[in-house]
Protein backbone atom coordinates (compact mmCIF):
# COMPACT_ATOMS: atom_id res chain seq x y z
CA MET A 1 22.56 73.01 -63.89
CA GLN A 2 20.31 70.82 -65.88
CA THR A 3 20.64 66.86 -65.57
CA TRP A 4 20.45 65.09 -68.79
CA VAL A 5 19.84 61.30 -69.05
CA TYR A 6 21.31 59.84 -72.20
CA GLU A 7 21.61 56.57 -74.02
CA ALA A 8 24.39 55.97 -76.57
CA ARG A 9 26.74 53.43 -78.17
CA ASP A 10 30.35 53.30 -77.99
CA ARG A 11 32.91 52.56 -80.77
CA ALA A 12 32.42 49.01 -80.11
CA GLY A 13 28.62 49.14 -80.50
CA LYS A 14 27.88 48.38 -76.73
CA VAL A 15 25.05 50.42 -75.11
CA VAL A 16 26.14 53.00 -72.82
CA GLN A 17 23.66 54.70 -70.31
CA GLY A 18 24.07 57.51 -67.84
CA ALA A 19 23.48 61.11 -66.98
CA HIS A 20 25.33 64.37 -67.36
CA GLN A 21 24.97 67.80 -66.00
CA ALA A 22 24.91 70.65 -68.39
CA PRO A 23 23.34 74.04 -68.76
CA ASP A 24 21.56 73.20 -72.03
CA ARG A 25 20.95 70.41 -74.59
CA ARG A 26 23.79 71.72 -76.87
CA SER A 27 26.35 71.59 -74.16
CA ALA A 28 25.39 67.97 -73.40
CA LEU A 29 25.55 66.86 -76.92
CA GLU A 30 29.02 68.40 -77.46
CA PHE A 31 30.21 66.52 -74.28
CA LEU A 32 28.90 63.19 -75.47
CA ARG A 33 30.24 63.77 -78.80
CA GLU A 34 33.74 64.35 -77.37
CA GLN A 35 33.60 61.10 -75.50
CA GLY A 36 33.18 59.26 -78.92
CA LEU A 37 29.52 58.10 -78.17
CA PHE A 38 27.15 57.75 -80.86
CA LEU A 39 23.81 59.08 -79.19
CA THR A 40 20.49 57.35 -79.65
CA ARG A 41 18.47 59.23 -76.66
CA LEU A 42 19.04 62.24 -74.81
CA GLU A 43 16.40 63.87 -72.48
CA ALA A 44 16.01 65.91 -69.45
CA LYS A 45 15.69 64.18 -66.25
CA LYS A 46 12.29 64.05 -64.80
CA GLY A 47 11.55 66.76 -62.28
CA GLY A 48 13.07 69.48 -64.56
CA SER A 49 12.70 70.72 -68.15
CA ALA A 50 15.26 71.48 -70.61
CA PRO A 51 16.00 75.36 -71.01
CA PRO A 52 13.87 76.70 -73.75
CA SER A 53 15.32 77.63 -77.11
CA ARG A 54 16.72 81.13 -77.38
CA SER A 55 14.67 81.45 -80.62
CA THR A 56 11.46 79.97 -79.51
CA ALA A 57 11.18 81.18 -75.67
CA ALA A 58 8.06 83.49 -75.13
CA LYS A 59 7.79 86.27 -72.73
CA PRO A 60 7.08 85.72 -69.15
CA VAL A 61 3.61 85.73 -67.92
CA THR A 62 3.13 87.58 -64.73
CA ALA A 63 1.44 85.73 -61.83
CA LYS A 64 -0.77 87.20 -59.10
CA SER A 65 0.88 86.52 -55.84
CA THR A 66 -0.81 84.19 -53.46
CA ALA A 67 1.72 84.44 -50.78
CA PRO A 68 0.52 85.84 -47.29
CA SER A 69 1.17 89.60 -46.54
CA SER A 70 4.32 88.83 -44.47
CA VAL A 71 6.16 87.81 -47.66
CA ALA A 72 4.42 90.29 -49.83
CA ALA A 73 7.60 92.38 -50.23
CA ARG A 74 9.54 89.67 -51.62
CA PRO A 75 9.73 89.63 -55.59
CA ALA A 76 7.25 87.61 -57.20
CA GLU A 77 8.35 84.35 -58.90
CA VAL A 78 7.38 84.47 -62.59
CA PRO A 79 6.38 81.29 -64.62
CA THR A 80 7.66 80.79 -67.95
CA VAL A 81 5.31 79.80 -70.89
CA SER A 82 6.75 77.83 -73.65
CA PRO A 83 5.36 78.10 -77.16
CA GLY A 84 2.39 75.85 -77.63
CA MET A 85 1.64 75.78 -73.81
CA ASN A 86 -1.40 77.38 -72.26
CA ALA A 87 -0.88 79.87 -69.78
CA ALA A 88 -2.90 78.32 -67.13
CA ASN A 89 -0.41 75.32 -67.34
CA ALA A 90 2.59 77.41 -66.69
CA VAL A 91 4.85 76.06 -63.79
CA SER A 92 6.19 78.43 -61.32
CA PRO A 93 10.04 78.01 -60.07
CA ILE A 94 8.58 77.92 -56.59
CA HIS A 95 6.22 75.11 -57.45
CA ASP A 96 8.88 72.85 -58.35
CA ASN A 97 11.43 73.82 -55.58
CA PRO A 98 11.22 71.03 -52.82
CA GLY A 99 11.75 73.89 -50.23
CA PHE A 100 8.61 75.48 -50.88
CA GLU A 101 5.01 74.16 -50.02
CA LYS A 102 3.33 73.49 -53.60
CA LYS A 103 0.48 75.57 -54.25
CA PRO A 104 -1.57 76.12 -57.37
CA VAL A 105 -0.33 79.24 -59.45
CA THR A 106 -2.84 81.65 -60.69
CA THR A 107 -1.79 83.37 -63.77
CA VAL A 108 -3.29 86.38 -65.60
CA PRO A 109 -4.89 85.38 -68.83
CA PRO A 110 -2.91 87.10 -71.70
CA PRO A 111 -4.85 90.03 -73.31
CA GLN A 112 -6.75 89.42 -76.49
CA THR A 113 -4.61 90.64 -79.08
CA ARG A 114 -5.80 91.04 -82.93
CA LEU A 115 -3.78 89.08 -85.18
CA HIS A 116 -1.00 91.50 -86.91
CA SER A 117 -0.98 92.32 -90.51
CA SER A 118 2.33 92.06 -92.58
CA SER A 119 2.89 95.53 -91.98
CA VAL A 120 3.39 94.98 -88.14
CA SER A 121 6.57 93.47 -86.69
CA PRO A 122 5.53 91.48 -83.55
CA ASN A 123 7.99 90.64 -80.96
CA PHE A 124 5.90 87.98 -79.44
CA GLN A 125 4.19 84.64 -79.86
CA HIS A 126 0.68 84.25 -78.64
CA PRO A 127 0.10 80.71 -77.28
CA GLY A 128 -3.55 81.04 -76.94
CA MET A 129 -4.20 82.11 -80.49
CA ALA A 130 -5.76 79.32 -82.69
CA THR A 131 -5.67 78.99 -86.53
CA THR A 132 -6.82 76.27 -88.90
CA PRO A 133 -4.32 73.78 -90.00
CA ILE A 134 -2.41 74.75 -93.13
CA PRO A 135 -3.69 72.77 -96.43
CA PRO A 136 -1.16 70.80 -98.22
CA GLN A 137 0.23 73.05 -101.07
CA PRO A 138 2.81 70.88 -103.07
CA LEU A 139 3.07 73.42 -106.17
CA LEU A 140 4.85 75.99 -104.25
CA GLN A 141 8.54 75.59 -105.16
CA ALA A 142 11.80 77.48 -104.62
CA SER A 143 15.15 77.19 -106.18
CA SER A 144 18.36 76.05 -104.03
CA LYS A 145 19.69 79.69 -104.15
CA ASP A 146 16.31 81.21 -102.91
CA LEU A 147 16.26 78.52 -100.06
CA SER A 148 19.82 79.34 -99.10
CA ILE A 149 18.85 83.09 -98.81
CA PHE A 150 15.61 82.00 -96.64
CA PHE A 151 17.55 79.77 -94.33
CA ARG A 152 20.40 82.07 -93.80
CA GLN A 153 18.17 85.13 -93.17
CA THR A 154 16.01 83.20 -90.65
CA GLY A 155 18.89 81.83 -88.78
CA SER A 156 20.39 85.36 -88.47
CA MET A 157 17.08 86.67 -87.05
CA LEU A 158 16.74 83.82 -84.54
CA HIS A 159 20.41 84.05 -83.44
CA ALA A 160 19.73 87.70 -82.89
CA GLY A 161 16.89 86.43 -80.50
CA THR A 162 13.93 87.19 -82.80
CA THR A 163 10.85 84.84 -82.31
CA ILE A 164 9.58 82.40 -85.05
CA GLY A 165 6.54 84.51 -85.48
CA ALA A 166 8.55 87.65 -86.05
CA ALA A 167 11.06 86.00 -88.29
CA MET A 168 8.40 84.54 -90.40
CA ASN A 169 6.61 87.78 -90.45
CA SER A 170 9.63 89.52 -91.85
CA MET A 171 10.29 86.80 -94.34
CA SER A 172 6.67 86.99 -95.55
CA ASP A 173 7.80 90.37 -97.06
CA ASN A 174 11.21 89.86 -97.90
CA ALA A 175 11.74 86.11 -98.97
CA PRO A 176 13.53 85.95 -102.29
CA SER A 177 10.58 84.15 -104.04
CA LYS A 178 6.79 84.10 -104.21
CA GLY A 179 6.49 80.75 -102.95
CA LEU A 180 8.61 81.23 -99.87
CA ARG A 181 6.81 84.55 -99.16
CA GLN A 182 3.27 82.69 -99.06
CA ALA A 183 4.82 80.09 -97.01
CA ALA A 184 6.20 82.21 -94.49
CA ALA A 185 3.06 84.10 -94.01
CA GLN A 186 1.19 80.93 -93.17
CA ILE A 187 3.92 79.43 -91.00
CA GLU A 188 3.93 82.85 -88.96
CA ARG A 189 0.08 82.22 -88.32
CA ARG A 190 0.54 78.75 -86.93
CA ALA A 191 3.64 79.79 -85.11
CA MET A 192 1.63 82.59 -83.38
CA SER A 193 -0.61 79.67 -82.14
CA GLY A 194 2.39 77.78 -80.72
CA GLU A 195 2.47 75.11 -83.43
CA PRO A 196 6.42 74.06 -84.04
CA MET A 197 7.57 75.28 -87.44
CA SER A 198 8.74 71.98 -88.60
CA GLU A 199 5.05 70.89 -88.36
CA SER A 200 3.97 73.90 -90.62
CA MET A 201 6.80 73.21 -92.91
CA ARG A 202 5.15 69.65 -93.83
CA ALA A 203 2.47 71.39 -95.70
CA PHE A 204 4.88 72.42 -98.40
CA PRO A 205 6.49 69.22 -99.83
CA GLY A 206 7.55 71.35 -102.89
CA LEU A 207 9.57 73.88 -100.95
CA PHE A 208 10.97 71.82 -97.85
CA THR A 209 12.41 68.43 -98.20
CA PRO A 210 12.03 65.79 -95.33
CA LEU A 211 15.89 66.37 -94.56
CA GLN A 212 15.15 70.22 -94.14
CA ILE A 213 12.20 69.54 -91.96
CA GLY A 214 14.17 66.81 -89.84
CA LEU A 215 16.91 69.21 -89.03
CA VAL A 216 14.57 72.01 -88.08
CA ASN A 217 12.69 69.58 -85.87
CA ALA A 218 16.06 68.42 -84.17
CA GLY A 219 16.83 72.27 -83.59
CA GLU A 220 13.22 72.82 -81.86
CA ARG A 221 13.93 70.09 -79.66
CA GLY A 222 17.54 70.81 -78.77
CA GLY A 223 17.33 74.40 -78.31
CA PHE A 224 19.76 75.30 -81.53
CA LEU A 225 17.26 76.24 -83.98
CA ASP A 226 19.40 79.33 -85.04
CA SER A 227 22.21 76.72 -85.79
CA SER A 228 19.70 74.17 -87.79
CA PHE A 229 18.99 77.22 -90.01
CA GLU A 230 22.68 77.93 -90.57
CA ARG A 231 23.31 74.31 -91.32
CA LEU A 232 20.46 74.25 -94.06
CA ALA A 233 21.70 77.64 -95.75
CA VAL A 234 24.99 75.96 -96.05
CA TYR A 235 23.68 72.89 -97.34
CA SER A 236 21.35 74.60 -99.87
CA GLU A 237 24.41 76.79 -101.13
CA ARG A 238 26.48 73.60 -101.79
CA ASP A 239 23.48 72.08 -103.72
CA TYR A 240 23.21 75.49 -105.66
CA ASP A 241 27.01 75.37 -106.47
CA LEU A 242 26.60 71.80 -107.78
CA GLN A 243 23.94 72.90 -110.09
CA GLN A 244 25.74 75.83 -111.38
CA MET A 245 28.89 73.60 -111.99
CA ILE A 246 26.77 71.18 -114.14
CA LYS A 247 25.03 74.06 -116.16
CA LYS A 248 28.44 75.64 -116.77
CA GLU A 249 30.21 72.32 -118.01
CA THR A 250 27.13 71.23 -120.25
CA TRP A 251 26.54 74.73 -121.97
CA TYR A 252 28.82 73.67 -124.92
CA PRO A 253 27.27 70.16 -125.67
CA LYS A 254 24.00 71.90 -125.50
CA LEU A 255 25.23 74.60 -128.08
CA LEU A 256 26.47 71.80 -130.25
CA ILE A 257 23.21 69.72 -130.15
CA LEU A 258 21.35 72.95 -131.36
CA ALA A 259 23.78 73.60 -133.99
CA SER A 260 23.45 70.04 -135.14
CA ILE A 261 19.77 70.76 -135.79
CA LEU A 262 20.12 74.19 -137.32
CA ILE A 263 23.17 74.07 -139.47
CA PRO A 264 22.21 70.98 -141.48
CA GLY A 265 18.88 72.58 -141.93
CA ALA A 266 20.51 75.16 -143.92
CA VAL A 267 21.28 72.68 -146.77
CA PRO A 268 17.74 72.18 -148.05
CA LEU A 269 17.19 76.03 -147.61
CA VAL A 270 20.29 76.54 -150.00
CA LEU A 271 19.01 73.94 -152.56
CA ALA A 272 15.42 75.43 -152.50
CA ILE A 273 16.83 78.86 -153.47
CA VAL A 274 19.32 77.46 -156.11
CA LYS A 275 16.94 74.86 -157.57
CA GLY A 276 13.50 76.98 -157.23
CA GLY A 277 10.31 75.25 -157.21
CA GLU A 278 9.84 75.18 -153.39
CA ASN A 279 9.67 77.92 -150.80
CA PRO A 280 12.99 78.02 -149.01
CA LEU A 281 11.47 78.70 -145.78
CA VAL A 282 9.14 75.90 -145.98
CA ALA A 283 12.16 73.61 -147.11
CA TRP A 284 14.04 74.93 -143.95
CA LEU A 285 11.04 74.38 -141.54
CA LYS A 286 10.71 70.77 -143.05
CA SER A 287 14.29 69.97 -142.06
CA VAL A 288 14.60 71.75 -138.62
CA GLY A 289 11.15 71.29 -137.47
CA PRO A 290 10.77 67.75 -136.40
CA PRO A 291 14.00 67.80 -134.34
CA LEU A 292 13.09 70.89 -132.67
CA ILE A 293 9.57 69.45 -131.85
CA ILE A 294 10.97 66.58 -130.28
CA LEU A 295 13.52 68.73 -128.08
CA GLY A 296 10.69 70.78 -127.10
CA LEU A 297 8.63 68.03 -125.93
CA ALA A 298 11.34 66.18 -124.08
CA TYR A 299 12.13 69.58 -122.12
CA ALA A 300 8.34 70.19 -121.50
CA ILE A 301 7.94 66.52 -120.20
CA PHE A 302 11.02 67.07 -117.90
CA ARG A 303 9.95 70.47 -116.71
CA ALA A 304 6.43 68.82 -116.05
CA ALA A 305 7.79 65.79 -114.07
CA ASN A 306 10.02 68.13 -111.89
CA TYR A 307 7.38 70.56 -111.21
CA ALA A 308 4.79 67.43 -110.40
CA SER A 309 7.54 65.65 -108.34
CA PRO A 310 6.12 66.54 -104.82
CA TYR A 311 2.97 64.55 -105.75
CA ALA A 312 4.67 61.54 -106.44
CA ALA A 313 6.02 58.85 -103.99
CA HIS A 314 9.60 58.85 -103.40
CA GLN A 315 9.75 54.96 -103.75
CA ASN A 316 7.75 53.67 -106.68
CA ALA A 317 8.57 50.95 -109.08
CA LEU A 318 9.11 53.10 -112.14
CA LYS A 319 11.55 55.53 -110.43
CA LEU A 320 13.49 52.64 -108.74
CA THR A 321 14.02 50.88 -111.84
CA LEU A 322 14.99 53.90 -113.92
CA ASP A 323 17.37 55.03 -110.85
CA ARG A 324 18.98 51.45 -110.91
CA LEU A 325 19.47 51.82 -114.60
CA LYS A 326 21.30 55.30 -114.32
CA LEU A 327 23.82 53.60 -111.99
CA TYR A 328 25.04 51.21 -114.77
CA VAL A 329 25.29 53.48 -117.64
CA PRO A 330 28.95 54.05 -118.69
CA VAL A 331 30.41 57.30 -117.52
CA MET A 332 26.89 58.64 -116.32
CA GLY A 333 26.64 55.94 -113.75
CA LYS A 334 29.79 57.05 -111.97
CA VAL A 335 28.67 60.65 -112.00
CA VAL A 336 25.07 59.76 -110.68
CA ARG A 337 26.47 57.49 -107.93
CA GLY A 338 28.92 59.92 -106.89
CA LEU A 339 26.60 63.04 -106.58
CA ALA A 340 23.83 60.76 -104.76
CA THR A 341 26.34 59.36 -102.13
CA ALA A 342 27.90 62.95 -101.71
CA LYS A 343 24.40 64.39 -100.98
CA PHE A 344 23.78 61.52 -98.61
CA CYS A 345 27.05 62.08 -96.67
CA ARG A 346 26.50 65.69 -96.43
CA ALA A 347 22.93 65.52 -95.25
CA LEU A 348 23.97 62.76 -92.65
CA GLY A 349 26.69 64.67 -91.34
CA ALA A 350 24.16 67.88 -90.91
CA LEU A 351 21.81 65.53 -89.23
CA THR A 352 24.46 63.95 -86.80
CA ALA A 353 25.87 67.12 -85.81
CA ALA A 354 22.42 68.21 -84.91
CA GLY A 355 21.91 65.39 -82.42
CA VAL A 356 19.23 63.46 -84.54
CA VAL A 357 19.35 59.73 -83.63
CA PRO A 358 21.21 57.12 -86.03
CA GLY A 359 18.08 55.63 -87.44
CA GLU A 360 16.21 58.91 -88.22
CA SER A 361 19.29 60.45 -89.37
CA MET A 362 19.86 57.55 -91.96
CA ARG A 363 16.41 57.78 -93.08
CA LEU A 364 16.15 61.31 -93.84
CA ALA A 365 19.63 61.40 -95.52
CA SER A 366 18.50 58.38 -97.63
CA SER A 367 15.54 60.45 -98.75
CA ALA A 368 17.67 63.37 -99.66
CA CYS A 369 20.30 61.57 -101.78
CA GLY A 370 18.06 61.94 -104.79
CA ASN A 371 18.37 58.31 -106.10
CA ALA A 372 15.84 55.71 -105.13
CA ALA A 373 18.15 52.64 -105.70
CA ILE A 374 20.79 54.11 -103.17
CA ALA A 375 18.06 55.29 -100.82
CA LEU A 376 16.37 51.92 -100.55
CA SER A 377 19.84 50.25 -99.99
CA THR A 378 20.78 52.72 -97.10
CA MET A 379 17.28 52.40 -95.61
CA GLU A 380 17.55 48.73 -95.47
CA SER A 381 20.72 48.83 -93.29
CA ILE A 382 18.90 51.05 -90.65
CA PRO A 383 17.94 47.96 -88.57
CA LYS A 384 21.69 46.98 -88.37
CA LEU A 385 22.92 50.45 -87.26
CA GLU A 386 20.11 50.58 -84.68
CA ASN A 387 21.41 47.23 -83.40
CA GLY A 388 24.83 48.51 -82.75
CA GLU A 389 26.58 47.80 -86.01
CA PRO A 390 29.13 50.52 -87.04
CA LEU A 391 28.24 53.02 -89.54
CA THR A 392 31.18 52.26 -91.87
CA LYS A 393 30.21 48.58 -91.94
CA THR A 394 26.59 49.02 -92.82
CA LEU A 395 27.38 51.68 -95.41
CA ALA A 396 30.03 49.31 -97.06
CA GLU A 397 27.64 46.63 -97.31
CA THR A 398 25.39 48.63 -99.68
CA GLY A 399 28.26 48.65 -102.31
CA HIS A 400 27.59 52.15 -103.32
CA PHE A 401 30.30 54.06 -101.35
CA PRO A 402 33.96 53.84 -102.34
CA LYS A 403 36.67 52.36 -100.31
CA MET A 404 38.23 55.66 -99.79
CA VAL A 405 35.04 57.19 -98.24
CA ILE A 406 34.63 54.15 -95.97
CA GLN A 407 38.23 54.73 -94.76
CA MET A 408 37.45 58.37 -94.18
CA LEU A 409 34.14 57.58 -92.25
CA LYS A 410 36.24 54.86 -90.19
CA VAL A 411 38.63 57.57 -89.13
CA GLY A 412 35.68 59.80 -88.01
CA GLU A 413 34.46 56.81 -85.85
CA ASP A 414 37.44 56.31 -84.14
CA SER A 415 38.17 59.83 -83.39
CA GLY A 416 34.52 60.89 -82.46
CA ASN A 417 34.29 63.40 -85.14
CA ILE A 418 31.95 61.41 -87.64
CA ASP A 419 29.97 64.59 -88.87
CA GLY A 420 33.40 66.28 -89.67
CA GLN A 421 34.40 63.30 -91.53
CA LEU A 422 31.26 62.79 -93.40
CA ASN A 423 31.30 66.55 -94.78
CA LYS A 424 34.94 65.80 -95.94
CA ALA A 425 33.64 62.69 -97.68
CA ALA A 426 30.94 64.74 -99.36
CA ASP A 427 33.55 67.08 -100.60
CA PHE A 428 35.79 64.17 -101.89
CA LEU A 429 32.82 62.78 -103.84
CA GLU A 430 31.68 66.01 -105.33
CA SER A 431 35.11 66.63 -106.32
CA ASP A 432 35.46 63.32 -107.98
CA SER A 433 32.26 63.81 -109.75
CA GLU A 434 33.14 67.18 -110.93
CA VAL A 435 36.16 65.71 -112.58
CA ALA A 436 34.09 62.89 -114.38
CA ILE A 437 31.62 65.28 -115.54
CA LYS A 438 34.17 67.49 -117.13
CA GLN A 439 35.55 64.40 -118.88
CA ALA A 440 32.41 63.14 -119.91
CA ILE A 441 31.23 66.48 -121.30
CA GLN A 442 34.59 66.82 -123.34
CA VAL A 443 34.02 63.39 -124.84
CA MET A 444 30.28 64.35 -125.64
CA GLY A 445 31.40 67.48 -127.36
CA ILE A 446 33.58 65.67 -129.66
CA LEU A 447 31.02 63.11 -130.41
CA VAL A 448 28.36 65.59 -131.26
CA PHE A 449 30.75 67.60 -133.35
CA LEU A 450 31.58 64.35 -135.22
CA LEU A 451 27.90 63.65 -135.82
CA ILE A 452 27.35 67.08 -136.95
CA ALA A 453 30.14 66.65 -139.70
CA ILE A 454 28.91 63.24 -140.67
CA ARG A 455 25.42 64.54 -141.21
CA ILE A 456 26.47 67.63 -143.15
CA GLY A 457 28.78 65.46 -145.34
CA MET A 458 26.02 63.10 -146.12
CA GLN A 459 23.99 66.07 -147.26
CA VAL A 460 26.69 67.54 -149.24
CA GLY A 461 27.45 64.09 -150.80
CA ALA A 462 23.85 63.78 -151.61
CA PHE A 463 23.53 67.17 -153.30
CA TRP A 464 26.71 66.54 -155.43
CA THR A 465 25.50 63.00 -156.50
CA GLY A 466 22.19 64.52 -157.58
CA TYR A 467 23.90 67.23 -159.34
CA PHE A 468 26.17 64.99 -161.41
CA ASP A 469 23.42 62.62 -162.03
CA SER A 470 21.36 65.49 -163.78
CA VAL A 471 24.54 66.51 -165.65
CA PHE A 472 25.19 63.05 -166.98
CA LYS A 473 21.43 62.69 -167.99
CA MET A 474 21.55 65.92 -169.69
CA ALA A 475 24.83 64.84 -171.62
CA GLU A 476 23.35 61.43 -172.60
CA GLY A 477 20.28 63.09 -173.74
């Protein structure tokens, strides 16, 4: 049994310190959560080390025995080498046992192994192999659907006992997008040198968000990396479902907007055919060309901004101003606020379940919400949370969370199931936003239809007015 020293806060906000014996970090986290404690620090007691993660443990390195011949028949103790640790620094179980005399352990240096190609499937991680750091590559990007597949497949391999190096080697060939395949190949080389995966992921800000990197880092430290990837897969799937819902509900207004440009453009085409004197195609292009160019430029700017977003800082004056304005736009403001707070709750729930400390959880969840104004408000409440103020009180003071959500989180604090209540709050906020989106789209569809009718009516009226004017002039002449 490993002794774990912890520091936490109880439901009243008081600091609680103590120690608990558990076989691994995950068991210690579950025990503390059952006690209704909000963990701020958990580490193995000095003189021992936490059990290595199943997904990152390396093969033992066989040691040459230095025992006298009288005990030569006894099985040799085998030191364990963790990823990122040199074999020369391996610690033997005998070395730390107070019942034995402490003597230096001589280890056999690992054989020089050539870095495998992508066609080889290694089952090892070489702690002595060094590679150059990965240069930042912010332009590599992937969709939420591709990320969910990547995280789920990686988590399944780690759960089966595959090393990070072997898992990334497989994903470098089988990941669903080119960007993820390139990233996996580079992460594999760094993993073979002992670098944590969370550090390698920082080189790809277009692929992996701070929230995702934080969850992977928590899994590496806590020994539940496979569970962290499963949580990331579920989170990415929910994000993808939300995107698909918005696309599904907005296709009709998009179609009406396109029709509002093309249908009225048919009037000049008919007039050019009837009256003659002007090329009908030129008349039609003059009518529909400018609106189509404006729409095309707006779409190009949107895509360029989305593609270059990893270069931009999350908090800047322009983004902060625009995001604040979004919150106060009629109808749209409610949807934007609901979706941003839903993302925040879901991210905070995943981080809390992973055992990330409250301040870091709040910071990562804030960066994942997608709205700079809400992120700034929640980040400003981090010192209050770290000083022992309840989570529900700090979130209520931001003014961005509905009373229903605050009440749900209060129940979670009282019952010790805050991560479960955060996920339920996210479901509630997403459902409420979905209803608001459908209502707004129905109203938008009617408005666009009326605008099309008014524009066509004006053009028809102009046509008949001109026609009768010409008839009257001919009659007077």
